[in-house]
PDB file of all heavy atoms in Angstrom:
ATOM      1  N   ASN A   1      16.381  44.599  -8.100  1.00  0.00           N
ATOM      2  CA  ASN A   1      16.677  44.509  -6.670  1.00  0.00           C
ATOM      3  C   ASN A   1      15.396  44.260  -5.885  1.00  0.00           C
ATOM      4  O   ASN A   1      14.325  44.750  -6.241  1.00  0.00           O
ATOM      5  CB  ASN A   1      17.328  45.805  -6.184  1.00  0.00           C
ATOM      6  CG  ASN A   1      18.612  46.121  -6.912  1.00  0.00           C
ATOM      7  OD1 ASN A   1      19.603  45.404  -6.779  1.00  0.00           O
ATOM      8  ND2 ASN A   1      18.609  47.178  -7.707  1.00  0.00           N
ATOM      9  N   ASP A   2      15.514  43.509  -4.821  1.00  0.00           N
ATOM     10  CA  ASP A   2      14.367  43.178  -3.982  1.00  0.00           C
ATOM     11  C   ASP A   2      14.156  44.293  -2.968  1.00  0.00           C
ATOM     12  O   ASP A   2      14.876  44.396  -1.968  1.00  0.00           O
ATOM     13  CB  ASP A   2      14.606  41.842  -3.269  1.00  0.00           C
ATOM     14  CG  ASP A   2      13.343  41.329  -2.584  1.00  0.00           C
ATOM     15  OD1 ASP A   2      12.612  42.155  -1.999  1.00  0.00           O
ATOM     16  OD2 ASP A   2      13.094  40.109  -2.628  1.00  0.00           O
ATOM     17  N   LEU A   3      13.173  45.164  -3.227  1.00  0.00           N
ATOM     18  CA  LEU A   3      12.921  46.308  -2.361  1.00  0.00           C
ATOM     19  C   LEU A   3      12.542  45.876  -0.951  1.00  0.00           C
ATOM     20  O   LEU A   3      12.975  46.484   0.032  1.00  0.00           O
ATOM     21  CB  LEU A   3      11.804  47.180  -2.970  1.00  0.00           C
ATOM     22  CG  LEU A   3      11.375  48.393  -2.150  1.00  0.00           C
ATOM     23  CD1 LEU A   3      12.540  49.357  -1.961  1.00  0.00           C
ATOM     24  CD2 LEU A   3      10.184  49.099  -2.811  1.00  0.00           C
ATOM     25  N   TRP A   4      11.735  44.830  -0.839  1.00  0.00           N
ATOM     26  CA  TRP A   4      11.267  44.390   0.476  1.00  0.00           C
ATOM     27  C   TRP A   4      12.437  43.961   1.359  1.00  0.00           C
ATOM     28  O   TRP A   4      12.530  44.352   2.523  1.00  0.00           O
ATOM     29  CB  TRP A   4      10.279  43.239   0.295  1.00  0.00           C
ATOM     30  CG  TRP A   4       9.515  42.919   1.550  1.00  0.00           C
ATOM     31  CD1 TRP A   4       9.714  41.856   2.383  1.00  0.00           C
ATOM     32  CD2 TRP A   4       8.442  43.669   2.108  1.00  0.00           C
ATOM     33  NE1 TRP A   4       8.831  41.892   3.434  1.00  0.00           N
ATOM     34  CE2 TRP A   4       8.032  42.998   3.289  1.00  0.00           C
ATOM     35  CE3 TRP A   4       7.779  44.847   1.732  1.00  0.00           C
ATOM     36  CZ2 TRP A   4       6.994  43.471   4.090  1.00  0.00           C
ATOM     37  CZ3 TRP A   4       6.746  45.308   2.532  1.00  0.00           C
ATOM     38  CH2 TRP A   4       6.367  44.625   3.704  1.00  0.00           C
ATOM     39  N   LYS A   5      13.353  43.181   0.781  1.00  0.00           N
ATOM     40  CA  LYS A   5      14.519  42.750   1.552  1.00  0.00           C
ATOM     41  C   LYS A   5      15.422  43.929   1.890  1.00  0.00           C
ATOM     42  O   LYS A   5      16.003  43.998   2.981  1.00  0.00           O
ATOM     43  CB  LYS A   5      15.304  41.690   0.770  1.00  0.00           C
ATOM     44  CG  LYS A   5      14.611  40.342   0.691  1.00  0.00           C
ATOM     45  CD  LYS A   5      15.474  39.322  -0.034  1.00  0.00           C
ATOM     46  CE  LYS A   5      14.780  37.956  -0.076  1.00  0.00           C
ATOM     47  NZ  LYS A   5      15.594  36.957  -0.821  1.00  0.00           N
ATOM     48  N   ALA A   6      15.528  44.866   0.937  1.00  0.00           N
ATOM     49  CA  ALA A   6      16.366  46.049   1.181  1.00  0.00           C
ATOM     50  C   ALA A   6      15.798  46.889   2.323  1.00  0.00           C
ATOM     51  O   ALA A   6      16.541  47.393   3.174  1.00  0.00           O
ATOM     52  CB  ALA A   6      16.478  46.885  -0.088  1.00  0.00           C
ATOM     53  N   ILE A   7      14.466  47.032   2.359  1.00  0.00           N
ATOM     54  CA  ILE A   7      13.829  47.797   3.433  1.00  0.00           C
ATOM     55  C   ILE A   7      14.094  47.135   4.774  1.00  0.00           C
ATOM     56  O   ILE A   7      14.445  47.809   5.755  1.00  0.00           O
ATOM     57  CB  ILE A   7      12.315  47.925   3.178  1.00  0.00           C
ATOM     58  CG1 ILE A   7      12.053  48.859   1.989  1.00  0.00           C
ATOM     59  CG2 ILE A   7      11.609  48.461   4.422  1.00  0.00           C
ATOM     60  CD1 ILE A   7      10.607  48.917   1.561  1.00  0.00           C
ATOM     61  N   GLU A   8      13.935  45.816   4.828  1.00  0.00           N
ATOM     62  CA  GLU A   8      14.184  45.095   6.080  1.00  0.00           C
ATOM     63  C   GLU A   8      15.624  45.292   6.540  1.00  0.00           C
ATOM     64  O   GLU A   8      15.895  45.496   7.727  1.00  0.00           O
ATOM     65  CB  GLU A   8      13.895  43.608   5.896  1.00  0.00           C
ATOM     66  CG  GLU A   8      12.413  43.275   5.770  1.00  0.00           C
ATOM     67  CD  GLU A   8      12.167  41.785   5.632  1.00  0.00           C
ATOM     68  OE1 GLU A   8      13.121  41.065   5.245  1.00  0.00           O
ATOM     69  OE2 GLU A   8      11.046  41.334   5.912  1.00  0.00           O
ATOM     70  N   GLU A   9      16.544  45.225   5.583  1.00  0.00           N
ATOM     71  CA  GLU A   9      17.959  45.375   5.926  1.00  0.00           C
ATOM     72  C   GLU A   9      18.256  46.790   6.415  1.00  0.00           C
ATOM     73  O   GLU A   9      18.946  46.992   7.425  1.00  0.00           O
ATOM     74  CB  GLU A   9      18.835  45.040   4.714  1.00  0.00           C
ATOM     75  CG  GLU A   9      20.318  45.079   5.021  1.00  0.00           C
ATOM     76  CD  GLU A   9      21.172  44.675   3.819  1.00  0.00           C
ATOM     77  OE1 GLU A   9      20.657  44.705   2.679  1.00  0.00           O
ATOM     78  OE2 GLU A   9      22.350  44.338   4.030  1.00  0.00           O
ATOM     79  N   TRP A  10      17.725  47.798   5.721  1.00  0.00           N
ATOM     80  CA  TRP A  10      17.950  49.196   6.121  1.00  0.00           C
ATOM     81  C   TRP A  10      17.324  49.474   7.483  1.00  0.00           C
ATOM     82  O   TRP A  10      17.907  50.184   8.307  1.00  0.00           O
ATOM     83  CB  TRP A  10      17.385  50.148   5.060  1.00  0.00           C
ATOM     84  CG  TRP A  10      18.352  50.408   3.944  1.00  0.00           C
ATOM     85  CD1 TRP A  10      18.870  49.486   3.089  1.00  0.00           C
ATOM     86  CD2 TRP A  10      18.923  51.659   3.590  1.00  0.00           C
ATOM     87  NE1 TRP A  10      19.725  50.096   2.198  1.00  0.00           N
ATOM     88  CE2 TRP A  10      19.772  51.428   2.479  1.00  0.00           C
ATOM     89  CE3 TRP A  10      18.787  52.955   4.061  1.00  0.00           C
ATOM     90  CZ2 TRP A  10      20.499  52.446   1.864  1.00  0.00           C
ATOM     91  CZ3 TRP A  10      19.502  53.980   3.450  1.00  0.00           C
ATOM     92  CH2 TRP A  10      20.351  53.722   2.365  1.00  0.00           C
ATOM     93  N   GLU A  11      16.130  48.936   7.718  1.00  0.00           N
ATOM     94  CA  GLU A  11      15.486  49.131   9.022  1.00  0.00           C
ATOM     95  C   GLU A  11      16.350  48.560  10.142  1.00  0.00           C
ATOM     96  O   GLU A  11      16.523  49.188  11.190  1.00  0.00           O
ATOM     97  CB  GLU A  11      14.097  48.478   9.030  1.00  0.00           C
ATOM     98  CG  GLU A  11      13.061  49.243   8.248  1.00  0.00           C
ATOM     99  CD  GLU A  11      11.726  48.508   8.168  1.00  0.00           C
ATOM    100  OE1 GLU A  11      11.711  47.263   8.368  1.00  0.00           O
ATOM    101  OE2 GLU A  11      10.713  49.163   7.881  1.00  0.00           O
ATOM    102  N   PHE A  12      16.898  47.375   9.892  1.00  0.00           N
ATOM    103  CA  PHE A  12      17.765  46.749  10.899  1.00  0.00           C
ATOM    104  C   PHE A  12      19.001  47.606  11.150  1.00  0.00           C
ATOM    105  O   PHE A  12      19.369  47.872  12.306  1.00  0.00           O
ATOM    106  CB  PHE A  12      18.180  45.348  10.445  1.00  0.00           C
ATOM    107  CG  PHE A  12      19.223  44.720  11.327  1.00  0.00           C
ATOM    108  CD1 PHE A  12      18.865  44.143  12.541  1.00  0.00           C
ATOM    109  CD2 PHE A  12      20.560  44.722  10.949  1.00  0.00           C
ATOM    110  CE1 PHE A  12      19.832  43.576  13.363  1.00  0.00           C
ATOM    111  CE2 PHE A  12      21.525  44.155  11.771  1.00  0.00           C
ATOM    112  CZ  PHE A  12      21.152  43.587  12.978  1.00  0.00           C
ATOM    113  N   LEU A  13      19.648  48.048  10.078  1.00  0.00           N
ATOM    114  CA  LEU A  13      20.874  48.834  10.221  1.00  0.00           C
ATOM    115  C   LEU A  13      20.615  50.168  10.904  1.00  0.00           C
ATOM    116  O   LEU A  13      21.423  50.630  11.727  1.00  0.00           O
ATOM    117  CB  LEU A  13      21.508  49.062   8.847  1.00  0.00           C
ATOM    118  CG  LEU A  13      22.056  47.812   8.155  1.00  0.00           C
ATOM    119  CD1 LEU A  13      22.474  48.126   6.727  1.00  0.00           C
ATOM    120  CD2 LEU A  13      23.228  47.239   8.942  1.00  0.00           C
ATOM    121  N   LEU A  14      19.477  50.801  10.597  1.00  0.00           N
ATOM    122  CA  LEU A  14      19.164  52.096  11.203  1.00  0.00           C
ATOM    123  C   LEU A  14      18.739  51.951  12.655  1.00  0.00           C
ATOM    124  O   LEU A  14      18.851  52.907  13.429  1.00  0.00           O
ATOM    125  CB  LEU A  14      18.068  52.806  10.391  1.00  0.00           C
ATOM    126  CG  LEU A  14      18.521  53.285   9.010  1.00  0.00           C
ATOM    127  CD1 LEU A  14      17.328  53.808   8.209  1.00  0.00           C
ATOM    128  CD2 LEU A  14      19.593  54.369   9.129  1.00  0.00           C
ATOM    129  N   GLU A  15      18.259  50.777  13.027  1.00  0.00           N
ATOM    130  CA  GLU A  15      17.979  50.531  14.442  1.00  0.00           C
ATOM    131  C   GLU A  15      19.281  50.447  15.233  1.00  0.00           C
ATOM    132  O   GLU A  15      19.344  50.877  16.385  1.00  0.00           O
ATOM    133  CB  GLU A  15      17.192  49.218  14.619  1.00  0.00           C
ATOM    134  CG  GLU A  15      15.711  49.355  14.294  1.00  0.00           C
ATOM    135  CD  GLU A  15      14.980  48.038  14.460  1.00  0.00           C
ATOM    136  OE1 GLU A  15      15.627  47.046  14.893  1.00  0.00           O
ATOM    137  OE2 GLU A  15      13.785  47.980  14.154  1.00  0.00           O
ATOM    138  N   GLN A  16      20.322  49.890  14.617  1.00  0.00           N
ATOM    139  CA  GLN A  16      21.618  49.804  15.280  1.00  0.00           C
ATOM    140  C   GLN A  16      22.261  51.178  15.404  1.00  0.00           C
ATOM    141  O   GLN A  16      22.864  51.505  16.426  1.00  0.00           O
ATOM    142  CB  GLN A  16      22.565  48.867  14.497  1.00  0.00           C
ATOM    143  CG  GLN A  16      21.983  47.533  14.097  1.00  0.00           C
ATOM    144  CD  GLN A  16      21.318  46.814  15.238  1.00  0.00           C
ATOM    145  OE1 GLN A  16      21.928  46.571  16.267  1.00  0.00           O
ATOM    146  NE2 GLN A  16      20.049  46.455  15.057  1.00  0.00           N
ATOM    147  N   LYS A  17      22.123  51.987  14.372  1.00  0.00           N
ATOM    148  CA  LYS A  17      22.697  53.330  14.379  1.00  0.00           C
ATOM    149  C   LYS A  17      21.909  54.200  13.407  1.00  0.00           C
ATOM    150  O   LYS A  17      21.847  53.901  12.212  1.00  0.00           O
ATOM    151  CB  LYS A  17      24.173  53.287  13.970  1.00  0.00           C
ATOM    152  CG  LYS A  17      24.893  54.620  14.100  1.00  0.00           C
ATOM    153  CD  LYS A  17      26.304  54.534  13.553  1.00  0.00           C
ATOM    154  CE  LYS A  17      27.161  53.565  14.355  1.00  0.00           C
ATOM    155  NZ  LYS A  17      28.559  53.547  13.850  1.00  0.00           N
ATOM    156  N   SER A  18      21.282  55.250  13.917  1.00  0.00           N
ATOM    157  CA  SER A  18      20.406  56.082  13.085  1.00  0.00           C
ATOM    158  C   SER A  18      21.207  56.872  12.049  1.00  0.00           C
ATOM    159  O   SER A  18      22.430  57.029  12.162  1.00  0.00           O
ATOM    160  CB  SER A  18      19.626  57.065  13.963  1.00  0.00           C
ATOM    161  OG  SER A  18      20.497  58.060  14.485  1.00  0.00           O
ATOM    162  N   LEU A  19      20.504  57.381  11.061  1.00  0.00           N
ATOM    163  CA  LEU A  19      21.144  58.211  10.049  1.00  0.00           C
ATOM    164  C   LEU A  19      21.735  59.457  10.697  1.00  0.00           C
ATOM    165  O   LEU A  19      22.833  59.906  10.334  1.00  0.00           O
ATOM    166  CB  LEU A  19      20.139  58.606   8.963  1.00  0.00           C
ATOM    167  CG  LEU A  19      20.694  59.466   7.818  1.00  0.00           C
ATOM    168  CD1 LEU A  19      21.834  58.755   7.094  1.00  0.00           C
ATOM    169  CD2 LEU A  19      19.575  59.832   6.843  1.00  0.00           C
ATOM    170  N   PHE A  20      21.030  60.009  11.694  1.00  0.00           N
ATOM    171  CA  PHE A  20      21.548  61.180  12.416  1.00  0.00           C
ATOM    172  C   PHE A  20      22.897  60.862  13.054  1.00  0.00           C
ATOM    173  O   PHE A  20      23.851  61.645  12.951  1.00  0.00           O
ATOM    174  CB  PHE A  20      20.556  61.618  13.491  1.00  0.00           C
ATOM    175  CG  PHE A  20      21.088  62.678  14.405  1.00  0.00           C
ATOM    176  CD1 PHE A  20      21.159  64.001  13.995  1.00  0.00           C
ATOM    177  CD2 PHE A  20      21.542  62.345  15.682  1.00  0.00           C
ATOM    178  CE1 PHE A  20      21.672  64.974  14.837  1.00  0.00           C
ATOM    179  CE2 PHE A  20      22.047  63.315  16.527  1.00  0.00           C
ATOM    180  CZ  PHE A  20      22.114  64.634  16.108  1.00  0.00           C
ATOM    181  N   GLN A  21      22.995  59.714  13.713  1.00  0.00           N
ATOM    182  CA  GLN A  21      24.252  59.332  14.358  1.00  0.00           C
ATOM    183  C   GLN A  21      25.359  59.148  13.325  1.00  0.00           C
ATOM    184  O   GLN A  21      26.509  59.536  13.560  1.00  0.00           O
ATOM    185  CB  GLN A  21      24.063  58.037  15.147  1.00  0.00           C
ATOM    186  CG  GLN A  21      23.181  58.190  16.374  1.00  0.00           C
ATOM    187  CD  GLN A  21      22.857  56.850  17.021  1.00  0.00           C
ATOM    188  OE1 GLN A  21      22.406  55.922  16.354  1.00  0.00           O
ATOM    189  NE2 GLN A  21      23.088  56.740  18.317  1.00  0.00           N
ATOM    190  N   ARG A  22      25.009  58.573  12.185  1.00  0.00           N
ATOM    191  CA  ARG A  22      26.000  58.344  11.143  1.00  0.00           C
ATOM    192  C   ARG A  22      26.493  59.663  10.551  1.00  0.00           C
ATOM    193  O   ARG A  22      27.685  59.827  10.267  1.00  0.00           O
ATOM    194  CB  ARG A  22      25.414  57.448  10.046  1.00  0.00           C
ATOM    195  CG  ARG A  22      25.121  56.036  10.530  1.00  0.00           C
ATOM    196  CD  ARG A  22      24.257  55.253   9.552  1.00  0.00           C
ATOM    197  NE  ARG A  22      23.807  54.006  10.125  1.00  0.00           N
ATOM    198  CZ  ARG A  22      24.450  52.853  10.040  1.00  0.00           C
ATOM    199  NH1 ARG A  22      25.595  52.789   9.377  1.00  0.00           N
ATOM    200  NH2 ARG A  22      23.969  51.762  10.598  1.00  0.00           N
ATOM    201  N   VAL A  23      25.574  60.619  10.367  1.00  0.00           N
ATOM    202  CA  VAL A  23      25.970  61.935   9.849  1.00  0.00           C
ATOM    203  C   VAL A  23      26.846  62.653  10.877  1.00  0.00           C
ATOM    204  O   VAL A  23      27.844  63.298  10.528  1.00  0.00           O
ATOM    205  CB  VAL A  23      24.726  62.779   9.504  1.00  0.00           C
ATOM    206  CG1 VAL A  23      25.125  64.221   9.181  1.00  0.00           C
ATOM    207  CG2 VAL A  23      23.986  62.163   8.317  1.00  0.00           C
ATOM    208  N   ARG A  24      26.473  62.520  12.165  1.00  0.00           N
ATOM    209  CA  ARG A  24      27.261  63.164  13.212  1.00  0.00           C
ATOM    210  C   ARG A  24      28.687  62.613  13.229  1.00  0.00           C
ATOM    211  O   ARG A  24      29.650  63.370  13.414  1.00  0.00           O
ATOM    212  CB  ARG A  24      26.596  62.943  14.568  1.00  0.00           C
ATOM    213  CG  ARG A  24      27.272  63.684  15.721  1.00  0.00           C
ATOM    214  CD  ARG A  24      26.429  63.619  16.970  1.00  0.00           C
ATOM    215  NE  ARG A  24      26.163  62.238  17.370  1.00  0.00           N
ATOM    216  CZ  ARG A  24      25.358  61.911  18.370  1.00  0.00           C
ATOM    217  NH1 ARG A  24      24.734  62.855  19.065  1.00  0.00           N
ATOM    218  NH2 ARG A  24      25.164  60.647  18.690  1.00  0.00           N
ATOM    219  N   GLU A  25      28.840  61.307  13.011  1.00  0.00           N
ATOM    220  CA  GLU A  25      30.175  60.714  12.961  1.00  0.00           C
ATOM    221  C   GLU A  25      30.974  61.252  11.780  1.00  0.00           C
ATOM    222  O   GLU A  25      32.167  61.528  11.901  1.00  0.00           O
ATOM    223  CB  GLU A  25      30.061  59.198  12.863  1.00  0.00           C
ATOM    224  CG  GLU A  25      29.616  58.526  14.154  1.00  0.00           C
ATOM    225  CD  GLU A  25      29.466  57.031  14.014  1.00  0.00           C
ATOM    226  OE1 GLU A  25      29.666  56.517  12.882  1.00  0.00           O
ATOM    227  OE2 GLU A  25      29.155  56.362  15.020  1.00  0.00           O
ATOM    228  N   GLN A  26      30.300  61.397  10.644  1.00  0.00           N
ATOM    229  CA  GLN A  26      30.987  61.940   9.472  1.00  0.00           C
ATOM    230  C   GLN A  26      31.412  63.386   9.705  1.00  0.00           C
ATOM    231  O   GLN A  26      32.497  63.811   9.287  1.00  0.00           O
ATOM    232  CB  GLN A  26      30.066  61.855   8.239  1.00  0.00           C
ATOM    233  CG  GLN A  26      29.785  60.446   7.770  1.00  0.00           C
ATOM    234  CD  GLN A  26      31.029  59.716   7.320  1.00  0.00           C
ATOM    235  OE1 GLN A  26      31.921  60.301   6.692  1.00  0.00           O
ATOM    236  NE2 GLN A  26      31.121  58.438   7.649  1.00  0.00           N
ATOM    237  N   ARG A  27      30.538  64.136  10.383  1.00  0.00           N
ATOM    238  CA  ARG A  27      30.866  65.535  10.707  1.00  0.00           C
ATOM    239  C   ARG A  27      32.087  65.589  11.616  1.00  0.00           C
ATOM    240  O   ARG A  27      32.992  66.413  11.419  1.00  0.00           O
ATOM    241  CB  ARG A  27      29.671  66.211  11.380  1.00  0.00           C
ATOM    242  CG  ARG A  27      29.922  67.653  11.803  1.00  0.00           C
ATOM    243  CD  ARG A  27      28.678  68.241  12.453  1.00  0.00           C
ATOM    244  NE  ARG A  27      28.868  69.624  12.835  1.00  0.00           N
ATOM    245  CZ  ARG A  27      29.344  70.034  14.016  1.00  0.00           C
ATOM    246  NH1 ARG A  27      29.683  69.124  14.927  1.00  0.00           N
ATOM    247  NH2 ARG A  27      29.494  71.305  14.291  1.00  0.00           N
ATOM    248  N   LYS A  28      32.102  64.708  12.630  1.00  0.00           N
ATOM    249  CA  LYS A  28      33.248  64.661  13.537  1.00  0.00           C
ATOM    250  C   LYS A  28      34.537  64.370  12.778  1.00  0.00           C
ATOM    251  O   LYS A  28      35.566  65.007  13.004  1.00  0.00           O
ATOM    252  CB  LYS A  28      33.035  63.576  14.599  1.00  0.00           C
ATOM    253  CG  LYS A  28      32.256  64.003  15.813  1.00  0.00           C
ATOM    254  CD  LYS A  28      32.285  62.906  16.869  1.00  0.00           C
ATOM    255  CE  LYS A  28      31.561  63.338  18.128  1.00  0.00           C
ATOM    256  NZ  LYS A  28      31.647  62.307  19.188  1.00  0.00           N
ATOM    257  N   ALA A  29      34.466  63.392  11.898  1.00  0.00           N
ATOM    258  CA  ALA A  29      35.656  63.009  11.142  1.00  0.00           C
ATOM    259  C   ALA A  29      36.147  64.156  10.268  1.00  0.00           C
ATOM    260  O   ALA A  29      37.353  64.424  10.188  1.00  0.00           O
ATOM    261  CB  ALA A  29      35.360  61.775  10.287  1.00  0.00           C
ATOM    262  N   ARG A  30      35.195  64.855   9.624  1.00  0.00           N
ATOM    263  CA  ARG A  30      35.589  65.971   8.751  1.00  0.00           C
ATOM    264  C   ARG A  30      36.171  67.117   9.565  1.00  0.00           C
ATOM    265  O   ARG A  30      37.225  67.665   9.228  1.00  0.00           O
ATOM    266  CB  ARG A  30      34.376  66.445   7.943  1.00  0.00           C
ATOM    267  CG  ARG A  30      34.677  67.642   7.037  1.00  0.00           C
ATOM    268  CD  ARG A  30      33.467  68.006   6.201  1.00  0.00           C
ATOM    269  NE  ARG A  30      32.279  68.206   7.012  1.00  0.00           N
ATOM    270  CZ  ARG A  30      32.048  69.337   7.710  1.00  0.00           C
ATOM    271  NH1 ARG A  30      32.914  70.328   7.694  1.00  0.00           N
ATOM    272  NH2 ARG A  30      30.927  69.455   8.407  1.00  0.00           N
ATOM    273  N   GLU A  31      35.474  67.480  10.654  1.00  0.00           N
ATOM    274  CA  GLU A  31      35.952  68.590  11.472  1.00  0.00           C
ATOM    275  C   GLU A  31      37.284  68.243  12.135  1.00  0.00           C
ATOM    276  O   GLU A  31      38.152  69.099  12.309  1.00  0.00           O
ATOM    277  CB  GLU A  31      34.914  68.937  12.544  1.00  0.00           C
ATOM    278  CG  GLU A  31      33.597  69.474  12.000  1.00  0.00           C
ATOM    279  CD  GLU A  31      33.715  70.894  11.462  1.00  0.00           C
ATOM    280  OE1 GLU A  31      34.813  71.475  11.527  1.00  0.00           O
ATOM    281  OE2 GLU A  31      32.709  71.423  10.974  1.00  0.00           O
TER     282      GLU A  31
END
């Protein structure tokens, strides 16, 4: 796997929605 491309992709996705926001959404769904 191309780590450099993966990092760029993850950085882009986390700029759109942080890991904290994603975890909070999962918490909401579970609760």
